[in-house]
């Protein structure tokens, strides 16, 4: 699955995936990448048991006015 790095610090990186989810992965997985880079994640590196801290859904707001 592909995603874009939206934030990165010493311990973790936040990646927005193609399906709209935002996950956190260890920064050791993306040592050579910077914020804004498109990366490809293998299924092994994507956590399977998400918790509320590692999985966010990007909700789209509609402007009705």
C-alpha atoms as a PDB file:
ATOM      1  CA  UNK A   1       0.000   0.000   0.000  1.00  0.00           C
ATOM      2  CA  UNK A   2       1.222   3.501  -0.754  1.00  0.00           C
ATOM      3  CA  UNK A   3       1.066   6.556   1.448  1.00  0.00           C
ATOM      4  CA  UNK A   4       2.470  10.017   2.051  1.00  0.00           C
ATOM      5  CA  UNK A   5       4.493  10.919   5.133  1.00  0.00           C
ATOM      6  CA  UNK A   6       2.634  13.790   6.808  1.00  0.00           C
ATOM      7  CA  UNK A   7       4.758  14.115   9.961  1.00  0.00           C
ATOM      8  CA  UNK A   8       7.917  12.565  11.315  1.00  0.00           C
ATOM      9  CA  UNK A   9       9.797  12.752  14.594  1.00  0.00           C
ATOM     10  CA  UNK A  10      12.557  10.795  16.321  1.00  0.00           C
ATOM     11  CA  UNK A  11      10.414   7.799  17.270  1.00  0.00           C
ATOM     12  CA  UNK A  12       7.574   7.570  14.739  1.00  0.00           C
ATOM     13  CA  UNK A  13       6.257   8.732  11.405  1.00  0.00           C
ATOM     14  CA  UNK A  14       2.629   9.424  10.493  1.00  0.00           C
ATOM     15  CA  UNK A  15       1.578   8.185   7.074  1.00  0.00           C
ATOM     16  CA  UNK A  16      -1.657   8.992   5.237  1.00  0.00           C
ATOM     17  CA  UNK A  17      -2.575   5.878   3.253  1.00  0.00           C
ATOM     18  CA  UNK A  18      -4.393   5.727  -0.088  1.00  0.00           C
ATOM     19  CA  UNK A  19      -7.610   4.591   1.610  1.00  0.00           C
ATOM     20  CA  UNK A  20      -7.744   7.726   3.783  1.00  0.00           C
ATOM     21  CA  UNK A  21      -6.438   6.226   7.016  1.00  0.00           C
ATOM     22  CA  UNK A  22      -3.546   7.763   8.906  1.00  0.00           C
ATOM     23  CA  UNK A  23      -1.236   5.353  10.701  1.00  0.00           C
ATOM     24  CA  UNK A  24       1.886   5.740  12.795  1.00  0.00           C
ATOM     25  CA  UNK A  25       4.874   3.558  12.041  1.00  0.00           C
ATOM     26  CA  UNK A  26       8.333   3.419  13.614  1.00  0.00           C
ATOM     27  CA  UNK A  27      10.645   6.018  12.105  1.00  0.00           C
ATOM     28  CA  UNK A  28      13.171   3.244  11.473  1.00  0.00           C
ATOM     29  CA  UNK A  29      10.868   2.080   8.640  1.00  0.00           C
ATOM     30  CA  UNK A  30      11.336   5.383   6.763  1.00  0.00           C
ATOM     31  CA  UNK A  31      14.859   6.510   7.659  1.00  0.00           C
ATOM     32  CA  UNK A  32      15.706   7.831   4.168  1.00  0.00           C
ATOM     33  CA  UNK A  33      12.376   9.608   3.581  1.00  0.00           C
ATOM     34  CA  UNK A  34      11.221  13.120   4.424  1.00  0.00           C
ATOM     35  CA  UNK A  35       7.828  14.698   5.127  1.00  0.00           C
ATOM     36  CA  UNK A  36       5.819  14.821   1.892  1.00  0.00           C
ATOM     37  CA  UNK A  37       7.496  11.807   0.290  1.00  0.00           C
ATOM     38  CA  UNK A  38       5.376   9.048  -1.254  1.00  0.00           C
ATOM     39  CA  UNK A  39       6.346   5.670   0.200  1.00  0.00           C
ATOM     40  CA  UNK A  40       5.293   2.093  -0.447  1.00  0.00           C
ATOM     41  CA  UNK A  41       4.602  -0.026   2.611  1.00  0.00           C
ATOM     42  CA  UNK A  42       4.619  -3.785   2.568  1.00  0.00           C
ATOM     43  CA  UNK A  43       1.834  -5.592   4.389  1.00  0.00           C
ATOM     44  CA  UNK A  44       4.403  -6.644   6.989  1.00  0.00           C
ATOM     45  CA  UNK A  45       5.148  -3.068   8.051  1.00  0.00           C
ATOM     46  CA  UNK A  46       1.484  -2.021   8.370  1.00  0.00           C
ATOM     47  CA  UNK A  47       0.248  -2.798  11.883  1.00  0.00           C
ATOM     48  CA  UNK A  48      -2.703  -5.195  11.900  1.00  0.00           C
ATOM     49  CA  UNK A  49      -4.089  -4.417  15.354  1.00  0.00           C
ATOM     50  CA  UNK A  50      -4.666  -0.691  15.410  1.00  0.00           C
ATOM     51  CA  UNK A  51      -5.353   1.261  18.562  1.00  0.00           C
ATOM     52  CA  UNK A  52      -6.809   4.729  18.844  1.00  0.00           C
ATOM     53  CA  UNK A  53      -3.334   6.289  18.853  1.00  0.00           C
ATOM     54  CA  UNK A  54      -2.110   4.649  15.658  1.00  0.00           C
ATOM     55  CA  UNK A  55      -5.211   4.740  13.455  1.00  0.00           C
ATOM     56  CA  UNK A  56      -7.070   7.891  12.470  1.00  0.00           C
ATOM     57  CA  UNK A  57      -9.746   8.216   9.828  1.00  0.00           C
ATOM     58  CA  UNK A  58      -9.664  11.356   7.739  1.00  0.00           C
ATOM     59  CA  UNK A  59     -13.221  12.632   7.807  1.00  0.00           C
ATOM     60  CA  UNK A  60     -14.269  14.915   4.992  1.00  0.00           C
ATOM     61  CA  UNK A  61     -16.469  17.862   5.932  1.00  0.00           C
ATOM     62  CA  UNK A  62     -18.995  19.208   3.450  1.00  0.00           C
ATOM     63  CA  UNK A  63     -19.827  22.886   3.332  1.00  0.00           C
ATOM     64  CA  UNK A  64     -23.583  23.235   2.867  1.00  0.00           C
ATOM     65  CA  UNK A  65     -23.605  27.036   2.777  1.00  0.00           C
END
